[in-house]
Amino acid sequence: MLLRMRPLLRQVQPSRFGAGFSGQVESRRRYLTRSLTSAAFFHLSRRSLLRGNLLVLCSVAMSFPLAGFPNDRRDPLLIVPALLAICGTLETVRCVRPRWDLYHAGLILLLWMDMMSVCLVCFFLFSPYVF
């Protein structure tokens, strides 16, 4: 949905130092910017690459203190970062276009990063129970 943006007109104050600008109206077009909540990041029905990447990176950042890295610690709360990382990966998959271009190539690299992050979080989750 495109937002209509109205131009704003600003009047120039009469000059005290000369008659050069007195009485003239300067028409500068300044456009109203979109509100922050209209971004795709906040709408779950829209595809958002930023939302997917932030979910994955924040889940990796959450998993380090929860796992007690570099020591092994059993913590079932690591399920939350694992699920967030999987949701972020699925959000990145939603952004894939059917046609090949450089955007698609960048998404493939981001999906590899997401898969490595999911594997790291799952390693933190399952390694204390295995070793």
Protein backbone atom coordinates (compact mmCIF):
# COMPACT_ATOMS: atom_id res chain seq x y z
CA MET A 1 0.00 0.00 0.00
CA LEU A 2 1.49 3.28 -1.06
CA LEU A 3 1.05 6.21 1.21
CA ARG A 4 0.17 9.54 -0.28
CA MET A 5 2.64 12.17 0.69
CA ARG A 6 1.58 15.77 0.73
CA PRO A 7 4.06 18.54 0.03
CA LEU A 8 4.42 21.19 2.66
CA LEU A 9 4.86 24.83 1.73
CA ARG A 10 7.03 27.07 3.83
CA GLN A 11 6.90 30.81 3.71
CA VAL A 12 10.12 32.75 3.87
CA GLN A 13 10.16 35.56 6.38
CA PRO A 14 10.63 39.03 4.95
CA SER A 15 14.24 40.01 4.92
CA ARG A 16 15.33 42.77 7.28
CA PHE A 17 18.49 43.44 5.33
CA GLY A 18 17.09 43.92 1.87
CA ALA A 19 14.11 43.54 -0.40
CA GLY A 20 15.43 40.45 -2.13
CA PHE A 21 13.18 37.89 -0.49
CA SER A 22 10.44 40.00 1.05
CA GLY A 23 6.95 38.84 0.18
CA GLN A 24 8.04 35.83 -1.86
CA VAL A 25 6.86 32.31 -1.09
CA GLU A 26 9.40 29.61 -1.39
CA SER A 27 7.86 26.29 -2.31
CA ARG A 28 10.03 23.59 -0.93
CA ARG A 29 8.60 20.15 -1.06
CA ARG A 30 9.15 18.27 2.08
CA TYR A 31 7.48 14.92 2.21
CA LEU A 32 5.99 13.40 5.29
CA THR A 33 7.83 10.26 6.17
CA ARG A 34 6.07 6.98 6.85
CA SER A 35 5.43 6.05 10.43
CA LEU A 36 7.70 3.48 12.01
CA THR A 37 4.92 0.95 12.53
CA SER A 38 4.15 0.80 8.80
CA ALA A 39 7.45 -0.97 8.10
CA ALA A 40 7.38 -4.62 7.05
CA PHE A 41 9.38 -5.53 10.16
CA PHE A 42 6.32 -5.13 12.39
CA HIS A 43 3.80 -6.92 10.13
CA LEU A 44 4.07 -10.69 10.43
CA SER A 45 2.12 -11.26 7.22
CA ARG A 46 4.76 -9.42 5.17
CA ARG A 47 8.15 -10.84 4.30
CA SER A 48 11.00 -9.20 6.17
CA LEU A 49 14.65 -10.12 5.76
CA LEU A 50 15.61 -7.88 8.66
CA ARG A 51 13.22 -9.66 11.02
CA GLY A 52 14.60 -13.07 10.04
CA ASN A 53 18.22 -12.06 10.50
CA LEU A 54 17.57 -10.35 13.83
CA LEU A 55 15.72 -13.40 15.14
CA VAL A 56 18.63 -15.67 14.26
CA LEU A 57 21.39 -13.39 15.54
CA CYS A 58 19.55 -12.59 18.78
CA SER A 59 18.92 -16.28 19.40
CA VAL A 60 22.64 -17.01 18.99
CA ALA A 61 23.47 -14.14 21.35
CA MET A 62 20.95 -15.52 23.89
CA SER A 63 22.30 -19.05 23.64
CA PHE A 64 25.85 -18.21 24.74
CA PRO A 65 24.99 -17.07 28.28
CA LEU A 66 22.30 -19.75 28.64
CA ALA A 67 24.71 -22.51 27.69
CA GLY A 68 27.43 -21.19 29.97
CA PHE A 69 29.96 -21.26 27.14
CA PRO A 70 32.81 -22.53 27.28
CA ASN A 71 31.63 -24.80 30.12
CA ASP A 72 28.86 -27.28 29.47
CA ARG A 73 25.70 -26.61 31.40
CA ARG A 74 22.35 -28.32 31.02
CA ASP A 75 19.65 -25.75 30.56
CA PRO A 76 16.29 -26.63 29.02
CA LEU A 77 15.70 -22.92 28.35
CA LEU A 78 17.96 -23.31 25.32
CA ILE A 79 14.87 -24.57 23.52
CA VAL A 80 13.68 -20.95 23.24
CA PRO A 81 16.73 -19.72 21.25
CA ALA A 82 16.60 -22.88 19.13
CA LEU A 83 12.97 -22.24 18.19
CA LEU A 84 13.69 -18.54 17.54
CA ALA A 85 16.58 -19.46 15.25
CA ILE A 86 14.37 -21.88 13.32
CA CYS A 87 11.64 -19.22 13.01
CA GLY A 88 14.21 -16.71 11.76
CA THR A 89 15.46 -19.20 9.18
CA LEU A 90 11.92 -19.80 7.96
CA GLU A 91 11.40 -16.04 7.72
CA THR A 92 14.52 -15.79 5.56
CA VAL A 93 13.24 -18.63 3.36
CA ARG A 94 10.02 -16.67 2.81
CA CYS A 95 12.06 -13.87 1.20
CA VAL A 96 13.45 -16.09 -1.58
CA ARG A 97 12.33 -15.00 -5.04
CA PRO A 98 11.64 -17.55 -7.77
CA ARG A 99 13.93 -15.85 -10.25
CA TRP A 100 17.71 -15.95 -9.90
CA ASP A 101 19.52 -12.64 -9.37
CA LEU A 102 22.13 -11.20 -7.00
CA TYR A 103 19.50 -10.75 -4.29
CA HIS A 104 18.81 -14.48 -4.49
CA ALA A 105 22.55 -15.20 -4.20
CA GLY A 106 22.74 -13.02 -1.08
CA LEU A 107 19.79 -14.87 0.38
CA ILE A 108 21.55 -18.19 -0.18
CA LEU A 109 24.52 -16.88 1.85
CA LEU A 110 22.17 -15.67 4.59
CA LEU A 111 20.45 -19.05 4.66
CA TRP A 112 23.84 -20.72 5.13
CA MET A 113 24.52 -18.36 8.03
CA ASP A 114 21.10 -19.20 9.48
CA MET A 115 21.71 -22.93 9.19
CA MET A 116 25.10 -22.63 10.91
CA SER A 117 23.48 -20.61 13.69
CA VAL A 118 20.72 -23.18 14.15
CA CYS A 119 23.35 -25.94 14.31
CA LEU A 120 25.35 -23.98 16.90
CA VAL A 121 22.31 -23.42 19.11
CA CYS A 122 21.27 -27.07 18.78
CA PHE A 123 24.83 -28.11 19.68
CA PHE A 124 24.61 -25.98 22.83
CA LEU A 125 21.24 -27.59 23.58
CA PHE A 126 22.17 -31.25 23.07
CA SER A 127 25.92 -31.46 23.81
CA PRO A 128 25.63 -31.56 27.64
CA TYR A 129 23.32 -34.57 27.39
CA VAL A 130 25.54 -36.48 24.94
CA PHE A 131 29.07 -35.84 26.20
